């Protein structure tokens, strides 16, 4: 069955995570994504730790399903080739800084002169307006400035960032959704448009959706660092005999089940634990009871007993344990992809499951310039001599 974005061509000029992963999402659903990088390869290929092939393994995930070409866009010949590619494409994804964007002619105004119905997805750290518009930044900078780090970590420690690049990855999802919405609009009206996302925009949005900004504005509350505990409900991590588990008791029915499991049914009607907020305020008392109960048991026993009682509980896995987890296997969340010089390497599968038009991994990440011949000769119609001349001049 044809994939839902088949027939859509995307030029991916972006680097690192947010922009490239946006293009990867589009490729996973069938778009033809052409990754354009400078002759010799882009810098995001070579960030460590490097595999024996010389590639950053993150690059191999984020460039899957894409075609790879090289092009020096700084000179007139490279600019002319890019314009010819643009005329045959639907979407451009870029994350250049404003000065470079201007120099390379990658503003929306410049692109739509060549391709009037083009959709430009532009990703940056701080957006195109405001006093920070010229600043550079990465995921961790957005985590810091959004306030997310202020309530992450333990009470006696410093503010802590997540090493999972949630701002980058969420911005990529926003960007891909914006691209698809723009395609829907173009299908109705024939009009292209500019889709803008920014790391700080994403981070502030997610932090505020937790209610933190409203709490501060309405009640003057600033959330403290609680470690692994939850706010305004009970949840925390506990040490079992052979590992660590996380327990979440959110809502009255779950608390009543927990009281029964502890052999303390009278706690269900104890006013100190009457409601999520009260249990949050008296969490130290619940912690002491669960520390004792869980500490005497194995992780497997805790999971089985709480599972039978219908109380949410999970093992705190290391990555290797996640890879071996039977639920991960049953959901087929990981897929082996053959990579040159490495053999089969684990890749994350497409996370959205659709019954009629599923996304899929159909091609590994390209080597530097691997698809030059296919794109320049097949798509643009260059003669073999022309391509050879451009290669000799360092244009491709």
Protein backbone atom coordinates (compact mmCIF):
# COMPACT_ATOMS: atom_id res chain seq x y z
CA UNK A 1 0.00 0.00 0.00
CA UNK A 2 1.25 3.48 -0.89
CA UNK A 3 2.41 5.51 2.10
CA UNK A 4 0.46 8.61 3.03
CA UNK A 5 3.21 11.12 2.07
CA UNK A 6 4.30 9.35 -1.12
CA UNK A 7 4.85 11.90 -3.89
CA UNK A 8 5.97 14.65 -1.49
CA UNK A 9 9.58 15.77 -1.93
CA UNK A 10 11.49 17.37 0.95
CA UNK A 11 14.87 19.12 0.88
CA UNK A 12 16.50 18.68 4.29
CA UNK A 13 19.15 21.33 4.93
CA UNK A 14 19.11 20.97 8.71
CA UNK A 15 21.64 19.59 11.18
CA UNK A 16 21.79 18.00 14.65
CA UNK A 17 18.37 16.87 16.00
CA UNK A 18 15.25 19.04 15.76
CA UNK A 19 15.32 19.84 12.03
CA UNK A 20 16.67 16.47 10.88
CA UNK A 21 14.19 14.50 12.99
CA UNK A 22 11.35 16.56 11.53
CA UNK A 23 12.47 15.43 8.06
CA UNK A 24 12.90 11.85 9.32
CA UNK A 25 9.28 11.78 10.46
CA UNK A 26 8.17 12.90 7.00
CA UNK A 27 10.41 10.25 5.42
CA UNK A 28 9.02 7.53 7.70
CA UNK A 29 5.58 8.23 6.25
CA UNK A 30 6.73 8.02 2.65
CA UNK A 31 8.04 11.46 1.65
CA UNK A 32 11.14 11.51 -0.55
CA UNK A 33 13.59 13.35 1.67
CA UNK A 34 16.86 14.54 0.15
CA UNK A 35 19.43 15.49 2.77
CA UNK A 36 21.77 18.16 1.41
CA UNK A 37 25.16 18.57 3.07
CA UNK A 38 28.47 20.15 2.20
CA UNK A 39 30.99 18.11 0.18
CA UNK A 40 32.84 15.89 2.63
CA UNK A 41 29.85 15.57 4.96
CA UNK A 42 28.14 17.60 7.67
CA UNK A 43 29.37 18.05 11.22
CA UNK A 44 26.53 16.10 12.81
CA UNK A 45 27.93 12.88 11.33
CA UNK A 46 31.06 13.00 13.45
CA UNK A 47 29.94 13.78 17.00
CA UNK A 48 31.01 11.08 19.41
CA UNK A 49 30.84 8.39 20.40
CA UNK A 50 31.72 7.21 16.92
CA UNK A 51 31.03 3.75 15.60
CA UNK A 52 33.80 1.84 13.77
CA UNK A 53 32.32 3.16 10.51
CA UNK A 54 33.19 6.71 11.63
CA UNK A 55 29.55 7.69 12.02
CA UNK A 56 27.75 9.04 15.03
CA UNK A 57 25.09 6.40 15.72
CA UNK A 58 22.51 9.11 16.39
CA UNK A 59 23.08 10.29 12.82
CA UNK A 60 22.29 6.82 11.50
CA UNK A 61 18.91 6.95 13.27
CA UNK A 62 18.05 10.47 12.24
CA UNK A 63 19.07 10.10 8.58
CA UNK A 64 17.22 6.85 7.93
CA UNK A 65 14.88 6.74 4.93
CA UNK A 66 16.66 9.74 3.37
CA UNK A 67 18.69 10.19 0.21
CA UNK A 68 22.02 11.92 0.69
CA UNK A 69 23.63 14.39 -1.68
CA UNK A 70 26.45 16.90 -1.36
CA UNK A 71 26.26 20.51 -2.51
CA UNK A 72 28.28 23.64 -1.81
CA UNK A 73 25.52 26.23 -1.66
CA UNK A 74 27.82 29.18 -1.03
CA UNK A 75 28.83 29.67 -4.67
CA UNK A 76 26.79 30.58 -7.76
CA UNK A 77 26.85 27.10 -9.29
CA UNK A 78 25.65 25.53 -6.05
CA UNK A 79 22.93 28.16 -5.75
CA UNK A 80 21.74 27.44 -9.28
CA UNK A 81 21.58 23.70 -8.62
CA UNK A 82 19.66 24.30 -5.39
CA UNK A 83 17.14 26.48 -7.24
CA UNK A 84 16.57 23.65 -9.73
CA UNK A 85 16.05 21.19 -6.89
CA UNK A 86 13.70 23.59 -5.12
CA UNK A 87 11.55 23.94 -8.24
CA UNK A 88 10.91 20.19 -8.11
CA UNK A 89 10.25 19.99 -4.36
CA UNK A 90 7.43 20.67 -1.93
CA UNK A 91 9.02 21.30 1.46
CA UNK A 92 12.31 22.76 2.66
CA UNK A 93 13.52 22.11 6.22
CA UNK A 94 16.33 24.34 7.51
CA UNK A 95 17.81 25.49 10.81
CA UNK A 96 20.49 27.98 9.76
CA UNK A 97 21.24 31.08 11.79
CA UNK A 98 19.71 34.33 10.42
CA UNK A 99 22.92 35.65 8.78
CA UNK A 100 23.59 32.34 7.00
CA UNK A 101 19.95 32.08 5.99
CA UNK A 102 20.13 35.50 4.37
CA UNK A 103 23.44 34.75 2.67
CA UNK A 104 22.19 31.48 1.16
CA UNK A 105 18.83 32.89 0.10
CA UNK A 106 16.84 30.58 2.34
CA UNK A 107 14.31 33.10 3.61
CA UNK A 108 10.69 32.35 2.80
CA UNK A 109 10.49 35.48 0.65
CA UNK A 110 13.45 34.32 -1.45
CA UNK A 111 12.27 30.72 -1.79
CA UNK A 112 8.73 31.55 -2.87
CA UNK A 113 10.11 33.65 -5.72
CA UNK A 114 11.41 30.37 -7.14
CA UNK A 115 8.66 28.04 -5.94
CA UNK A 116 5.51 30.06 -5.14
CA UNK A 117 3.75 27.23 -3.30
CA UNK A 118 6.79 26.10 -1.31
CA UNK A 119 6.41 25.14 2.34
CA UNK A 120 9.39 26.29 4.39
CA UNK A 121 9.91 24.70 7.81
CA UNK A 122 12.38 26.84 9.70
CA UNK A 123 13.69 25.70 13.09
CA UNK A 124 15.74 27.85 15.47
CA UNK A 125 16.58 28.21 19.13
CA UNK A 126 14.65 31.40 19.88
CA UNK A 127 12.55 32.21 16.82
CA UNK A 128 12.70 35.03 14.28
CA UNK A 129 11.31 37.79 16.53
CA UNK A 130 12.18 39.21 19.92
CA UNK A 131 15.44 40.30 21.56
CA UNK A 132 16.93 36.77 21.43
CA UNK A 133 16.31 36.15 17.72
CA UNK A 134 20.02 36.22 16.80
CA UNK A 135 21.18 33.99 19.65
CA UNK A 136 22.33 30.42 19.04
CA UNK A 137 21.14 27.63 21.29
CA UNK A 138 20.59 23.93 21.77
CA UNK A 139 18.14 21.71 23.62
CA UNK A 140 19.79 22.18 27.01
CA UNK A 141 19.74 25.98 26.66
CA UNK A 142 15.97 25.86 26.10
CA UNK A 143 15.57 23.54 29.08
CA UNK A 144 17.43 26.07 31.21
CA UNK A 145 15.67 29.23 30.05
CA UNK A 146 12.17 27.73 30.00
CA UNK A 147 12.23 27.04 33.73
CA UNK A 148 12.17 23.26 33.23
CA UNK A 149 15.46 22.75 35.05
CA UNK A 150 14.33 24.75 38.09
CA UNK A 151 12.05 21.97 39.34
CA UNK A 152 14.08 19.00 38.06
CA UNK A 153 16.50 17.35 40.48
CA UNK A 154 16.59 16.61 44.20
CA UNK A 155 15.84 19.18 46.95
CA UNK A 156 19.43 19.38 48.15
CA UNK A 157 20.93 19.46 44.64
CA UNK A 158 21.36 21.88 41.79
CA UNK A 159 18.82 22.36 38.98
CA UNK A 160 19.16 19.41 36.60
CA UNK A 161 18.56 19.00 32.90
CA UNK A 162 17.28 15.89 31.21
CA UNK A 163 19.84 14.11 29.07
CA UNK A 164 16.99 13.01 26.85
CA UNK A 165 16.74 15.81 24.25
CA UNK A 166 13.00 16.26 24.80
CA UNK A 167 12.99 19.85 23.56
CA UNK A 168 14.67 18.93 20.27
CA UNK A 169 12.49 15.88 19.72
CA UNK A 170 9.26 17.69 20.62
CA UNK A 171 10.19 20.60 18.36
CA UNK A 172 10.71 18.08 15.56
CA UNK A 173 7.23 16.69 16.14
CA UNK A 174 5.77 20.22 16.09
CA UNK A 175 7.68 20.92 12.88
CA UNK A 176 6.50 17.76 11.15
CA UNK A 177 2.92 18.40 12.22
CA UNK A 178 3.21 21.97 10.90
CA UNK A 179 4.54 20.69 7.58
CA UNK A 180 1.64 18.24 7.20
CA UNK A 181 -0.91 20.92 8.15
CA UNK A 182 0.66 23.26 5.59
CA UNK A 183 0.38 20.51 2.97
CA UNK A 184 -3.31 20.11 3.79
CA UNK A 185 -3.79 23.86 3.44
CA UNK A 186 -1.92 23.86 0.12
CA UNK A 187 -4.07 21.00 -1.16
CA UNK A 188 -7.16 23.12 -0.46
CA UNK A 189 -5.90 26.52 -1.62
CA UNK A 190 -2.74 26.03 -3.69
CA UNK A 191 -0.87 28.31 -1.27
CA UNK A 192 2.42 27.51 0.42
CA UNK A 193 3.47 29.02 3.72
CA UNK A 194 6.22 29.37 6.29
CA UNK A 195 6.17 27.05 9.30
CA UNK A 196 8.29 28.33 12.19
CA UNK A 197 9.23 26.42 15.33
CA UNK A 198 11.71 27.29 18.05
CA UNK A 199 13.24 25.32 20.89
CA UNK A 200 12.29 27.92 23.51
CA UNK A 201 8.71 28.02 22.19
CA UNK A 202 8.41 24.26 22.63
CA UNK A 203 9.99 24.19 26.08
CA UNK A 204 7.91 27.10 27.43
CA UNK A 205 4.78 25.46 26.03
CA UNK A 206 5.46 22.11 27.71
CA UNK A 207 6.50 23.70 31.02
CA UNK A 208 3.37 25.86 31.04
CA UNK A 209 1.11 22.92 30.17
CA UNK A 210 2.17 21.46 33.52
CA UNK A 211 0.35 24.42 35.10
CA UNK A 212 3.53 26.02 36.44
CA UNK A 213 3.04 29.45 34.86
CA UNK A 214 -0.61 29.58 35.94
CA UNK A 215 0.32 28.53 39.49
CA UNK A 216 2.87 31.31 39.66
CA UNK A 217 0.55 33.93 38.15
CA UNK A 218 -2.55 33.01 40.15
CA UNK A 219 -1.10 31.95 43.51
CA UNK A 220 2.55 32.97 43.54
CA UNK A 221 3.62 29.32 43.73
CA UNK A 222 7.00 28.17 42.46
CA UNK A 223 7.49 24.42 42.27
CA UNK A 224 10.40 23.06 44.33
CA UNK A 225 12.69 20.23 43.28
CA UNK A 226 11.23 16.95 44.53
CA UNK A 227 13.52 14.33 42.99
CA UNK A 228 11.33 11.49 41.70
CA UNK A 229 8.21 12.50 43.64
CA UNK A 230 5.17 14.01 41.91
CA UNK A 231 3.44 17.32 42.50
CA UNK A 232 -0.06 17.39 44.03
CA UNK A 233 -0.38 13.60 43.89
CA UNK A 234 1.64 10.67 45.18
CA UNK A 235 4.37 9.04 43.13
CA UNK A 236 7.98 8.15 43.87
CA UNK A 237 10.77 5.61 43.43
CA UNK A 238 11.55 2.88 45.96
CA UNK A 239 14.35 0.38 46.40
CA UNK A 240 13.42 -3.27 46.22
CA UNK A 241 15.88 -6.03 47.13
CA UNK A 242 17.25 -6.25 43.58
CA UNK A 243 16.35 -3.00 41.86
CA UNK A 244 14.27 0.15 41.88
CA UNK A 245 10.57 0.61 41.11
CA UNK A 246 8.35 3.63 40.60
CA UNK A 247 4.86 3.66 42.11
CA UNK A 248 2.09 6.10 41.12
CA UNK A 249 -0.97 6.37 43.37
CA UNK A 250 -3.06 9.04 41.68
CA UNK A 251 -6.79 9.11 42.55
CA UNK A 252 -8.90 7.85 45.39
CA UNK A 253 -9.55 4.32 44.03
CA UNK A 254 -5.81 3.65 43.71
CA UNK A 255 -5.15 4.85 47.26
CA UNK A 256 -7.85 2.54 48.63
CA UNK A 257 -6.28 -0.39 46.81
CA UNK A 258 -2.87 0.57 48.19
CA UNK A 259 -4.21 0.74 51.74
CA UNK A 260 -5.67 -2.75 51.36
CA UNK A 261 -2.40 -4.08 49.91
CA UNK A 262 -0.44 -2.66 52.85
CA UNK A 263 -2.82 -4.36 55.27
CA UNK A 264 -3.90 -0.93 56.53
CA UNK A 265 -7.48 -0.50 55.23
CA UNK A 266 -8.13 2.21 57.83
CA UNK A 267 -5.76 4.52 55.92
CA UNK A 268 -8.31 4.79 53.12
CA UNK A 269 -10.43 7.10 55.30
CA UNK A 270 -7.59 8.79 57.21
CA UNK A 271 -8.01 12.58 56.74
CA UNK A 272 -4.24 12.95 56.26
CA UNK A 273 -4.59 11.04 52.99
CA UNK A 274 -8.00 12.29 51.87
CA UNK A 275 -7.39 13.36 48.29
CA UNK A 276 -4.36 13.71 46.03
CA UNK A 277 -3.25 17.02 47.51
CA UNK A 278 -3.36 15.68 51.06
CA UNK A 279 -1.37 12.62 50.04
CA UNK A 280 1.15 14.92 48.36
CA UNK A 281 1.47 16.98 51.54
CA UNK A 282 1.90 13.85 53.68
CA UNK A 283 4.00 11.94 51.18
CA UNK A 284 6.74 11.35 53.76
CA UNK A 285 4.36 9.12 55.73
CA UNK A 286 3.42 7.11 52.63
CA UNK A 287 7.08 6.92 51.63
CA UNK A 288 7.98 5.33 54.96
CA UNK A 289 5.30 2.66 54.59
CA UNK A 290 6.24 1.84 51.01
CA UNK A 291 9.96 1.86 51.78
CA UNK A 292 9.36 -0.91 54.30
CA UNK A 293 6.89 -2.91 52.20
CA UNK A 294 8.88 -2.74 48.91
CA UNK A 295 12.28 -3.08 50.57
CA UNK A 296 11.46 -6.61 51.71
CA UNK A 297 10.55 -7.82 48.21
CA UNK A 298 12.12 -8.42 44.82
CA UNK A 299 11.22 -6.24 41.88
CA UNK A 300 9.39 -9.13 40.24
CA UNK A 301 7.34 -9.71 43.42
CA UNK A 302 6.48 -6.00 43.71
CA UNK A 303 5.39 -5.79 40.08
CA UNK A 304 3.33 -8.97 40.29
CA UNK A 305 1.63 -8.06 43.57
CA UNK A 306 0.87 -4.48 42.62
CA UNK A 307 -0.20 -5.58 39.16
CA UNK A 308 -2.71 -8.02 40.67
CA UNK A 309 -3.99 -5.20 42.90
CA UNK A 310 -4.27 -2.90 39.85
CA UNK A 311 -1.82 -0.32 41.19
CA UNK A 312 0.46 1.36 38.59
CA UNK A 313 4.06 0.36 39.18
CA UNK A 314 7.10 0.01 36.93
CA UNK A 315 10.68 -1.19 37.04
CA UNK A 316 13.30 1.58 36.68
CA UNK A 317 15.20 0.01 33.78
CA UNK A 318 18.66 0.65 32.47
CA UNK A 319 18.91 0.83 28.68
CA UNK A 320 19.98 -2.79 28.35
CA UNK A 321 16.98 -3.89 30.40
CA UNK A 322 14.68 -1.80 28.22
CA UNK A 323 16.09 -3.46 25.09
CA UNK A 324 15.35 -6.90 26.59
CA UNK A 325 11.91 -5.97 27.92
CA UNK A 326 9.18 -8.35 26.67
CA UNK A 327 6.68 -5.52 26.16
CA UNK A 328 9.18 -3.68 23.97
CA UNK A 329 9.58 -6.88 21.96
CA UNK A 330 5.83 -7.52 21.76
CA UNK A 331 5.19 -4.00 20.47
CA UNK A 332 8.13 -4.32 18.04
CA UNK A 333 9.44 -0.94 19.18
CA UNK A 334 12.99 -1.65 18.04
CA UNK A 335 14.11 -2.78 14.60
CA UNK A 336 17.42 -4.08 13.32
CA UNK A 337 18.83 -2.17 10.34
CA UNK A 338 21.92 -3.26 8.39
CA UNK A 339 24.61 -0.57 8.35
CA UNK A 340 27.86 -0.67 6.34
CA UNK A 341 30.78 -1.74 8.49
CA UNK A 342 28.59 -2.34 11.54
CA UNK A 343 26.18 -5.12 10.69
CA UNK A 344 22.72 -4.99 12.23
CA UNK A 345 22.13 -2.01 14.55
CA UNK A 346 19.07 -1.29 16.70
CA UNK A 347 16.86 1.53 15.44
CA UNK A 348 13.68 2.88 17.04
CA UNK A 349 10.65 1.99 14.97
CA UNK A 350 7.98 4.50 14.02
CA UNK A 351 6.10 5.16 17.26
CA UNK A 352 2.66 5.86 15.74
CA UNK A 353 0.85 2.70 14.68
CA UNK A 354 -1.74 3.09 11.90
CA UNK A 355 -3.86 0.29 10.50
CA UNK A 356 -3.98 1.43 6.85
CA UNK A 357 -1.00 3.71 6.20
CA UNK A 358 1.79 2.74 8.61
CA UNK A 359 5.15 4.43 8.69
CA UNK A 360 8.22 2.27 8.21
CA UNK A 361 12.00 2.15 8.01
CA UNK A 362 12.74 1.30 4.41
CA UNK A 363 16.34 2.52 3.99
CA UNK A 364 19.43 3.03 6.15
CA UNK A 365 21.13 6.41 6.56
CA UNK A 366 23.04 7.43 3.41
CA UNK A 367 26.80 7.70 3.14
CA UNK A 368 28.23 11.09 2.14
CA UNK A 369 26.98 11.91 -1.36
CA UNK A 370 25.59 8.41 -1.85
CA UNK A 371 22.69 9.58 -4.00
CA UNK A 372 24.46 12.27 -6.03
CA UNK A 373 24.18 10.23 -9.20
CA UNK A 374 20.50 9.39 -8.67
CA UNK A 375 19.43 12.93 -7.80
CA UNK A 376 21.62 15.01 -10.10
CA UNK A 377 21.35 12.79 -13.14
CA UNK A 378 17.95 11.22 -12.55
CA UNK A 379 16.03 14.16 -11.08
CA UNK A 380 17.82 17.15 -12.63
CA UNK A 381 18.94 15.44 -15.84
CA UNK A 382 22.63 16.38 -15.65
CA UNK A 383 24.91 14.58 -18.08
CA UNK A 384 27.67 12.39 -16.68
CA UNK A 385 30.28 14.90 -17.86
CA UNK A 386 28.47 17.77 -16.11
CA UNK A 387 28.32 15.89 -12.82
CA UNK A 388 31.97 14.90 -13.09
CA UNK A 389 32.93 18.54 -13.69
CA UNK A 390 30.93 19.69 -10.66
CA UNK A 391 32.63 17.05 -8.53
CA UNK A 392 36.05 18.14 -9.76
CA UNK A 393 35.25 21.76 -8.87
CA UNK A 394 34.06 20.80 -5.38
CA UNK A 395 30.51 21.99 -6.03
CA UNK A 396 29.05 18.57 -5.19
